[in-house]
């Protein structure tokens, strides 16, 4: 892992470590709880599935998925966020602290499905991330990724301090990167409008795709 990548991961992790204890009580986090049922309606999971939650945080998404599947690996760089998840006591959620680029695919996958909510914009190299996610899927495996449509930077405000690398995404550009990573049938739909304390509403997309 390069020095630049290490610095970026450290900055992001520091922010989330500091916020972990009260994360689930934030009004924004409470709004995000609506993501899981809408994601599952678009990409149903099977009881035998092994699922990776990338950027799992305190498990707002993983905790709603776990009762429906065999096992969830909750990957995040923040030990404090994962500790909050661990304290929730889900037997079939395995917290894993680490940087996805530093972990060997054989140590993680393969997975039947990969989900993620509001983590993509914290990763500098989106193309490399999509390639890493695709490598972790079994043939026929699916991804369901939620993030911000392109915005003006006002969603986070202090973007650098919060480890933000992208001010949301344009679907066409993200679709091209996903297809270059080997994913197929890439589709986008608005999944949620979140109300910000600044008085504005921000739309979130759900990107679904599968590995042939």
Protein backbone atom coordinates (compact mmCIF):
# COMPACT_ATOMS: atom_id res chain seq x y z
CA UNK A 1 0.00 0.00 0.00
CA UNK A 2 1.41 3.37 -1.01
CA UNK A 3 2.11 6.20 1.41
CA UNK A 4 -0.65 8.25 -0.23
CA UNK A 5 -3.15 5.45 0.26
CA UNK A 6 -2.05 4.94 3.86
CA UNK A 7 -2.50 8.65 4.61
CA UNK A 8 -5.97 8.69 3.09
CA UNK A 9 -7.07 5.61 5.00
CA UNK A 10 -5.70 7.07 8.25
CA UNK A 11 -7.57 10.36 7.80
CA UNK A 12 -10.84 8.58 7.06
CA UNK A 13 -10.40 6.10 9.90
CA UNK A 14 -9.65 8.86 12.43
CA UNK A 15 -12.90 10.64 11.55
CA UNK A 16 -15.00 7.49 11.88
CA UNK A 17 -13.26 6.29 15.03
CA UNK A 18 -14.13 9.59 16.70
CA UNK A 19 -17.76 9.43 15.57
CA UNK A 20 -18.40 5.73 16.20
CA UNK A 21 -19.98 5.84 19.67
CA UNK A 22 -22.88 8.09 18.63
CA UNK A 23 -23.05 7.08 14.98
CA UNK A 24 -26.34 5.17 15.10
CA UNK A 25 -28.11 8.00 16.91
CA UNK A 26 -27.33 10.60 14.23
CA UNK A 27 -30.43 11.77 12.31
CA UNK A 28 -28.64 10.94 9.05
CA UNK A 29 -27.89 7.40 10.22
CA UNK A 30 -31.51 6.91 11.20
CA UNK A 31 -32.57 7.93 7.71
CA UNK A 32 -30.05 5.52 6.22
CA UNK A 33 -31.82 2.62 7.97
CA UNK A 34 -34.34 2.78 5.12
CA UNK A 35 -31.68 1.66 2.63
CA UNK A 36 -31.62 -2.03 3.59
CA UNK A 37 -35.24 -2.99 2.83
CA UNK A 38 -35.14 -1.09 -0.45
CA UNK A 39 -31.84 -2.68 -1.44
CA UNK A 40 -33.17 -6.13 -0.59
CA UNK A 41 -36.28 -5.53 -2.67
CA UNK A 42 -34.04 -4.86 -5.67
CA UNK A 43 -31.55 -7.65 -4.95
CA UNK A 44 -33.10 -10.46 -2.88
CA UNK A 45 -30.68 -12.66 -0.97
CA UNK A 46 -30.83 -16.39 -0.25
CA UNK A 47 -30.50 -18.11 3.11
CA UNK A 48 -27.29 -19.80 1.92
CA UNK A 49 -25.59 -16.61 0.73
CA UNK A 50 -22.25 -15.32 1.99
CA UNK A 51 -22.26 -11.53 1.82
CA UNK A 52 -19.57 -8.86 2.08
CA UNK A 53 -20.60 -5.47 3.45
CA UNK A 54 -17.90 -3.08 2.25
CA UNK A 55 -17.45 -0.07 4.53
CA UNK A 56 -19.82 -1.66 7.01
CA UNK A 57 -19.29 0.86 9.81
CA UNK A 58 -21.54 0.11 12.78
CA UNK A 59 -23.55 -2.38 10.77
CA UNK A 60 -26.60 -0.32 9.82
CA UNK A 61 -26.86 -2.41 6.66
CA UNK A 62 -25.24 -5.66 7.81
CA UNK A 63 -27.55 -6.00 10.82
CA UNK A 64 -30.64 -6.00 8.60
CA UNK A 65 -29.10 -8.45 6.12
CA UNK A 66 -27.67 -10.95 8.64
CA UNK A 67 -30.98 -12.63 9.61
CA UNK A 68 -31.63 -13.44 5.95
CA UNK A 69 -28.32 -15.04 4.95
CA UNK A 70 -25.74 -17.58 6.13
CA UNK A 71 -22.91 -15.18 6.90
CA UNK A 72 -21.92 -11.51 6.55
CA UNK A 73 -18.35 -10.25 6.55
CA UNK A 74 -18.35 -6.64 7.72
CA UNK A 75 -15.24 -4.96 6.32
CA UNK A 76 -14.20 -1.51 7.54
CA UNK A 77 -11.01 0.40 8.33
CA UNK A 78 -12.34 1.75 11.64
CA UNK A 79 -11.88 -0.49 14.68
CA UNK A 80 -14.18 1.72 16.75
CA UNK A 81 -17.04 1.44 14.27
CA UNK A 82 -16.64 -2.33 14.11
CA UNK A 83 -16.61 -2.55 17.91
CA UNK A 84 -20.05 -0.91 17.98
CA UNK A 85 -21.18 -3.56 15.50
CA UNK A 86 -19.61 -6.38 17.51
CA UNK A 87 -21.42 -5.20 20.63
CA UNK A 88 -24.74 -5.74 18.83
CA UNK A 89 -24.11 -9.48 19.11
CA UNK A 90 -24.93 -10.90 15.68
CA UNK A 91 -23.55 -14.44 15.59
CA UNK A 92 -23.27 -14.62 11.80
CA UNK A 93 -21.60 -11.23 11.26
CA UNK A 94 -17.80 -11.40 11.14
CA UNK A 95 -16.21 -7.96 11.67
CA UNK A 96 -12.99 -7.49 9.71
CA UNK A 97 -10.81 -4.42 10.08
CA UNK A 98 -8.62 -3.63 7.10
CA UNK A 99 -8.06 -1.93 3.77
CA UNK A 100 -9.59 -3.90 0.90
CA UNK A 101 -6.51 -3.23 -1.23
CA UNK A 102 -4.23 -4.80 1.38
CA UNK A 103 -6.25 -7.98 1.86
CA UNK A 104 -5.76 -10.99 -0.39
CA UNK A 105 -8.97 -12.01 -2.21
CA UNK A 106 -8.44 -15.60 -1.07
CA UNK A 107 -8.61 -14.42 2.55
CA UNK A 108 -12.07 -12.96 1.98
CA UNK A 109 -14.10 -14.44 -0.83
CA UNK A 110 -15.65 -15.69 -2.79
CA UNK A 111 -18.95 -14.06 -1.92
CA UNK A 112 -22.42 -14.55 -3.35
CA UNK A 113 -23.15 -10.85 -2.94
CA UNK A 114 -21.42 -7.61 -2.03
CA UNK A 115 -23.29 -4.64 -0.60
CA UNK A 116 -22.16 -1.19 0.39
CA UNK A 117 -23.82 2.00 1.59
CA UNK A 118 -22.13 5.40 1.44
CA UNK A 119 -18.57 4.05 1.29
CA UNK A 120 -17.57 4.48 -2.35
CA UNK A 121 -16.98 8.22 -2.09
CA UNK A 122 -14.38 7.59 0.63
CA UNK A 123 -12.16 5.55 -1.73
CA UNK A 124 -9.85 7.53 -4.01
CA UNK A 125 -9.46 4.96 -6.79
CA UNK A 126 -12.98 3.93 -7.74
CA UNK A 127 -11.83 1.83 -10.70
CA UNK A 128 -9.47 -0.20 -8.50
CA UNK A 129 -12.20 -0.64 -5.89
CA UNK A 130 -14.66 -2.02 -8.42
CA UNK A 131 -12.02 -4.41 -9.71
CA UNK A 132 -11.33 -5.56 -6.14
CA UNK A 133 -15.03 -6.11 -5.47
CA UNK A 134 -15.47 -8.03 -8.71
CA UNK A 135 -12.52 -10.26 -7.82
CA UNK A 136 -14.24 -11.18 -4.54
CA UNK A 137 -17.44 -12.36 -6.22
CA UNK A 138 -18.09 -15.91 -7.29
CA UNK A 139 -19.35 -16.34 -10.89
CA UNK A 140 -22.96 -15.19 -10.87
CA UNK A 141 -22.38 -13.10 -7.75
CA UNK A 142 -24.09 -9.74 -7.42
CA UNK A 143 -23.28 -6.27 -6.15
CA UNK A 144 -25.60 -3.62 -4.75
CA UNK A 145 -23.87 -0.33 -4.04
CA UNK A 146 -25.49 2.80 -2.61
CA UNK A 147 -23.97 6.27 -2.75
CA UNK A 148 -24.61 9.91 -3.60
CA UNK A 149 -25.42 11.21 -7.01
CA UNK A 150 -22.95 13.94 -8.01
CA UNK A 151 -23.32 16.92 -5.65
CA UNK A 152 -21.60 20.23 -4.95
CA UNK A 153 -19.64 19.22 -1.86
CA UNK A 154 -22.17 20.53 0.62
CA UNK A 155 -23.30 17.10 1.83
CA UNK A 156 -20.24 16.55 4.03
CA UNK A 157 -19.03 20.12 4.24
CA UNK A 158 -15.48 19.56 5.51
CA UNK A 159 -14.73 16.97 2.87
CA UNK A 160 -10.98 16.59 3.45
CA UNK A 161 -11.34 16.05 7.20
CA UNK A 162 -14.02 13.41 6.59
CA UNK A 163 -11.98 11.47 4.07
CA UNK A 164 -14.17 12.35 1.08
CA UNK A 165 -12.56 11.74 -2.32
CA UNK A 166 -15.60 12.09 -4.58
CA UNK A 167 -18.50 14.53 -4.46
CA UNK A 168 -20.93 11.82 -5.43
CA UNK A 169 -20.95 10.07 -8.80
CA UNK A 170 -22.41 10.43 -12.27
CA UNK A 171 -24.07 7.08 -13.10
CA UNK A 172 -22.69 6.96 -16.65
CA UNK A 173 -19.10 7.28 -15.45
CA UNK A 174 -19.56 4.73 -12.67
CA UNK A 175 -21.24 2.30 -15.04
CA UNK A 176 -18.27 2.51 -17.40
CA UNK A 177 -15.86 1.70 -14.56
CA UNK A 178 -18.04 -1.20 -13.38
CA UNK A 179 -18.14 -2.68 -16.87
CA UNK A 180 -14.37 -2.28 -17.19
CA UNK A 181 -14.08 -4.24 -13.93
CA UNK A 182 -15.98 -7.12 -15.55
CA UNK A 183 -19.44 -6.52 -14.12
CA UNK A 184 -22.51 -6.85 -16.32
CA UNK A 185 -26.11 -5.63 -16.44
CA UNK A 186 -25.16 -2.49 -14.53
CA UNK A 187 -28.29 -0.58 -13.56
CA UNK A 188 -29.06 2.50 -11.50
CA UNK A 189 -32.14 3.65 -9.61
CA UNK A 190 -32.76 6.32 -7.01
CA UNK A 191 -33.15 4.53 -3.69
CA UNK A 192 -33.58 7.33 -1.15
CA UNK A 193 -33.75 11.09 -0.67
CA UNK A 194 -32.03 12.08 2.56
CA UNK A 195 -32.80 15.31 4.37
CA UNK A 196 -29.72 17.18 5.50
CA UNK A 197 -29.41 19.51 8.50
CA UNK A 198 -28.51 22.23 6.00
CA UNK A 199 -32.11 22.09 4.78
CA UNK A 200 -31.32 20.42 1.47
CA UNK A 201 -32.33 17.03 0.13
CA UNK A 202 -29.76 14.73 -1.46
CA UNK A 203 -30.67 11.74 -3.67
CA UNK A 204 -28.88 8.42 -3.30
CA UNK A 205 -28.56 5.83 -6.05
CA UNK A 206 -28.53 2.05 -5.95
CA UNK A 207 -26.19 0.47 -8.49
CA UNK A 208 -26.78 -3.23 -9.14
CA UNK A 209 -24.72 -5.55 -11.33
CA UNK A 210 -23.48 -9.12 -11.50
CA UNK A 211 -20.34 -11.04 -12.34
CA UNK A 212 -20.74 -13.40 -15.30
